[in-house]
């Protein structure tokens, strides 16, 4: 049903997304350093559910809702931007720490770890727009059910994304050890992380793009 070229293409795009630092990766690395690999993997499971939620929702037509009721999209977008700004403030405020500084986050129970990973992912509605704009580029109506193709291609993107983020979770401890011996680099990283999060927040809040319904 789906061509090898389409799968390879969506996998390549997903890999590029994973290698570009974003809120999910920053949170996962921070949690892994603070509480260990197990906590990072539990948080990653929450992120994975967030990916899957957006994919299923887009496949079911939530993009149409965003297009017809833009206030819903705007509300989710502003909430997400506010959340990122809060994370940025926590990074740069007096006494803040680098994400790679060990034991800076209070230990959370598995349920909260999962929930925070899920919220970190869901509070970025651009994922829905990404699926809406990206998946059609690899769907071929001649190969069968379009929605099913979109779902399978989206699952490919999620698989690549989770694999890449698992690598960051598992190697976070080694990076933490590097920063532990270099306090100056800890400070540089902390401000770089805060700046990046603030930039994400401003970009999301200032983005004036809207969901456009594709022609049938």
Protein backbone atom coordinates (compact mmCIF):
# COMPACT_ATOMS: atom_id res chain seq x y z
CA UNK A 1 0.00 0.00 0.00
CA UNK A 2 2.81 2.42 0.86
CA UNK A 3 5.88 2.72 -1.33
CA UNK A 4 9.40 2.25 0.04
CA UNK A 5 10.26 5.74 -1.16
CA UNK A 6 7.48 7.28 0.93
CA UNK A 7 8.60 5.43 4.05
CA UNK A 8 12.23 6.42 3.49
CA UNK A 9 11.23 10.03 2.89
CA UNK A 10 9.14 10.38 6.04
CA UNK A 11 11.88 8.63 8.04
CA UNK A 12 14.50 11.09 6.78
CA UNK A 13 12.33 14.07 7.66
CA UNK A 14 11.66 12.64 11.12
CA UNK A 15 15.37 12.09 11.72
CA UNK A 16 16.04 15.72 10.89
CA UNK A 17 13.38 16.76 13.38
CA UNK A 18 14.90 14.59 16.12
CA UNK A 19 18.35 16.09 15.60
CA UNK A 20 16.92 19.60 15.96
CA UNK A 21 16.70 20.42 19.69
CA UNK A 22 13.17 21.08 20.85
CA UNK A 23 11.06 21.15 24.03
CA UNK A 24 10.58 17.36 24.10
CA UNK A 25 14.29 16.61 23.90
CA UNK A 26 15.19 19.26 26.47
CA UNK A 27 12.66 17.92 28.95
CA UNK A 28 13.65 14.29 28.41
CA UNK A 29 17.35 14.96 28.85
CA UNK A 30 16.71 17.05 31.94
CA UNK A 31 14.55 14.37 33.52
CA UNK A 32 17.00 11.60 32.65
CA UNK A 33 19.88 13.45 34.27
CA UNK A 34 17.87 14.36 37.33
CA UNK A 35 16.27 11.00 38.01
CA UNK A 36 17.94 8.40 35.81
CA UNK A 37 17.31 6.56 32.57
CA UNK A 38 14.19 4.79 33.81
CA UNK A 39 12.52 8.13 34.57
CA UNK A 40 13.57 9.44 31.18
CA UNK A 41 12.10 6.43 29.40
CA UNK A 42 8.81 6.75 31.32
CA UNK A 43 8.65 10.42 30.32
CA UNK A 44 9.42 9.39 26.75
CA UNK A 45 6.44 7.04 26.83
CA UNK A 46 4.28 10.06 27.64
CA UNK A 47 5.79 11.98 24.74
CA UNK A 48 5.09 9.00 22.49
CA UNK A 49 1.43 9.01 23.52
CA UNK A 50 1.33 12.72 22.72
CA UNK A 51 2.65 12.03 19.21
CA UNK A 52 0.12 9.25 18.74
CA UNK A 53 -2.74 11.42 20.05
CA UNK A 54 -2.02 14.16 17.54
CA UNK A 55 -1.59 11.67 14.71
CA UNK A 56 -4.89 9.91 15.39
CA UNK A 57 -6.65 13.24 15.91
CA UNK A 58 -5.34 14.63 12.64
CA UNK A 59 -6.30 11.46 10.83
CA UNK A 60 -9.78 11.75 12.35
CA UNK A 61 -10.15 15.36 11.26
CA UNK A 62 -9.05 17.64 14.11
CA UNK A 63 -7.25 19.78 11.53
CA UNK A 64 -10.68 20.58 10.12
CA UNK A 65 -11.81 21.73 13.57
CA UNK A 66 -8.73 23.95 13.89
CA UNK A 67 -9.49 25.43 10.47
CA UNK A 68 -13.18 26.05 11.14
CA UNK A 69 -12.73 27.26 14.74
CA UNK A 70 -9.36 29.06 14.79
CA UNK A 71 -9.96 30.23 18.37
CA UNK A 72 -9.34 26.66 19.56
CA UNK A 73 -5.99 26.55 17.79
CA UNK A 74 -5.08 29.99 19.10
CA UNK A 75 -5.90 29.02 22.69
CA UNK A 76 -3.83 25.84 22.59
CA UNK A 77 -0.99 27.71 20.93
CA UNK A 78 -0.87 30.44 23.58
CA UNK A 79 -1.04 27.92 26.42
CA UNK A 80 1.87 26.06 24.89
CA UNK A 81 3.88 29.26 24.45
CA UNK A 82 3.25 30.19 28.10
CA UNK A 83 4.39 26.77 29.24
CA UNK A 84 7.65 27.08 27.29
CA UNK A 85 8.27 30.55 28.74
CA UNK A 86 7.83 29.10 32.23
CA UNK A 87 10.42 26.43 31.47
CA UNK A 88 12.74 29.11 30.08
CA UNK A 89 12.42 31.18 33.25
CA UNK A 90 13.22 28.16 35.38
CA UNK A 91 16.42 27.72 33.38
CA UNK A 92 17.72 31.30 33.53
CA UNK A 93 16.42 32.50 36.88
CA UNK A 94 18.95 33.06 39.69
CA UNK A 95 19.93 29.68 41.01
CA UNK A 96 18.78 27.92 37.85
CA UNK A 97 20.74 25.03 36.44
CA UNK A 98 21.64 23.40 33.15
CA UNK A 99 19.41 20.57 32.03
CA UNK A 100 22.46 18.33 32.28
CA UNK A 101 23.11 19.18 35.91
CA UNK A 102 22.29 16.05 37.95
CA UNK A 103 19.63 15.96 40.67
CA UNK A 104 18.17 19.36 39.91
CA UNK A 105 14.61 18.13 39.45
CA UNK A 106 12.65 16.68 42.34
CA UNK A 107 12.03 12.97 41.93
CA UNK A 108 8.58 12.32 40.49
CA UNK A 109 6.53 9.17 40.58
CA UNK A 110 6.03 7.21 37.35
CA UNK A 111 2.51 8.54 36.83
CA UNK A 112 3.65 12.16 37.01
CA UNK A 113 6.66 11.46 34.80
CA UNK A 114 4.37 10.01 32.15
CA UNK A 115 1.91 12.90 32.47
CA UNK A 116 4.59 15.60 32.20
CA UNK A 117 6.03 13.93 29.11
CA UNK A 118 2.55 13.83 27.60
CA UNK A 119 1.84 17.49 28.41
CA UNK A 120 5.21 18.63 27.04
CA UNK A 121 4.23 17.07 23.74
CA UNK A 122 0.54 18.02 23.65
CA UNK A 123 1.14 21.70 24.47
CA UNK A 124 2.64 22.19 21.04
CA UNK A 125 -0.23 22.25 18.50
CA UNK A 126 2.27 22.75 15.71
CA UNK A 127 2.58 18.95 15.72
CA UNK A 128 -0.94 18.75 14.35
CA UNK A 129 -0.07 21.24 11.64
CA UNK A 130 3.12 19.32 10.91
CA UNK A 131 1.17 16.16 10.28
CA UNK A 132 -1.38 18.00 8.16
CA UNK A 133 1.29 19.59 5.96
CA UNK A 134 3.85 16.77 5.91
CA UNK A 135 1.96 13.52 5.53
CA UNK A 136 0.11 14.45 2.31
CA UNK A 137 3.49 14.89 0.62
CA UNK A 138 4.06 11.13 0.90
CA UNK A 139 0.51 9.85 0.38
CA UNK A 140 -0.41 8.41 -3.01
CA UNK A 141 -4.21 8.20 -3.54
CA UNK A 142 -3.59 5.57 -6.22
CA UNK A 143 -2.29 3.17 -3.56
CA UNK A 144 -5.49 2.92 -1.55
CA UNK A 145 -7.11 4.41 1.56
CA UNK A 146 -5.59 7.85 2.14
CA UNK A 147 -6.34 7.97 5.89
CA UNK A 148 -4.74 4.56 6.44
CA UNK A 149 -1.66 5.60 4.49
CA UNK A 150 -1.42 8.75 6.61
CA UNK A 151 -1.69 6.72 9.78
CA UNK A 152 1.03 4.26 8.75
CA UNK A 153 3.36 7.04 7.62
CA UNK A 154 2.73 8.88 10.87
CA UNK A 155 3.59 5.74 12.84
CA UNK A 156 6.86 5.59 10.89
CA UNK A 157 7.63 9.16 11.93
CA UNK A 158 6.82 8.36 15.55
CA UNK A 159 9.02 5.25 15.52
CA UNK A 160 12.01 7.23 14.23
CA UNK A 161 11.32 10.05 16.70
CA UNK A 162 11.11 7.74 19.70
CA UNK A 163 14.26 5.88 18.67
CA UNK A 164 16.22 9.12 18.41
CA UNK A 165 14.94 10.44 21.72
CA UNK A 166 15.74 7.11 23.39
CA UNK A 167 19.36 7.66 22.37
CA UNK A 168 19.35 11.07 24.07
CA UNK A 169 17.79 9.60 27.22
CA UNK A 170 20.36 6.81 27.44
CA UNK A 171 23.36 9.08 26.87
CA UNK A 172 22.22 11.97 29.08
CA UNK A 173 24.24 10.65 32.04
CA UNK A 174 27.52 10.77 30.13
CA UNK A 175 26.85 14.32 29.04
CA UNK A 176 25.99 15.18 32.63
CA UNK A 177 29.36 13.88 33.81
CA UNK A 178 31.06 16.11 31.25
CA UNK A 179 29.26 19.20 32.57
CA UNK A 180 29.85 18.23 36.20
CA UNK A 181 33.58 18.73 35.67
CA UNK A 182 33.10 22.02 33.82
CA UNK A 183 30.95 24.56 35.77
CA UNK A 184 31.42 27.25 33.13
CA UNK A 185 29.95 25.00 30.46
CA UNK A 186 27.02 24.27 32.77
CA UNK A 187 26.24 27.98 32.91
CA UNK A 188 26.62 28.41 29.15
CA UNK A 189 24.32 25.49 28.51
CA UNK A 190 21.74 26.72 31.02
CA UNK A 191 21.41 30.11 29.34
CA UNK A 192 21.48 28.55 25.88
CA UNK A 193 18.67 26.20 26.90
CA UNK A 194 16.60 29.03 28.37
CA UNK A 195 17.14 31.16 25.28
CA UNK A 196 16.14 28.31 23.01
CA UNK A 197 12.95 27.64 24.98
CA UNK A 198 12.05 31.33 24.98
CA UNK A 199 12.66 31.45 21.23
CA UNK A 200 10.36 28.47 20.73
CA UNK A 201 7.70 30.21 22.82
CA UNK A 202 7.94 33.50 20.91
CA UNK A 203 7.91 31.71 17.58
CA UNK A 204 4.79 29.73 18.49
CA UNK A 205 2.97 32.76 19.91
CA UNK A 206 3.89 35.06 17.03
CA UNK A 207 3.11 32.59 14.27
CA UNK A 208 0.04 33.84 12.40
CA UNK A 209 -0.37 30.83 10.13
CA UNK A 210 -3.73 29.09 10.11
CA UNK A 211 -4.82 25.61 9.19
CA UNK A 212 -5.98 25.58 5.59
CA UNK A 213 -8.32 22.83 4.46
CA UNK A 214 -6.94 20.88 1.57
CA UNK A 215 -8.98 20.74 -1.57
CA UNK A 216 -10.77 17.40 -2.08
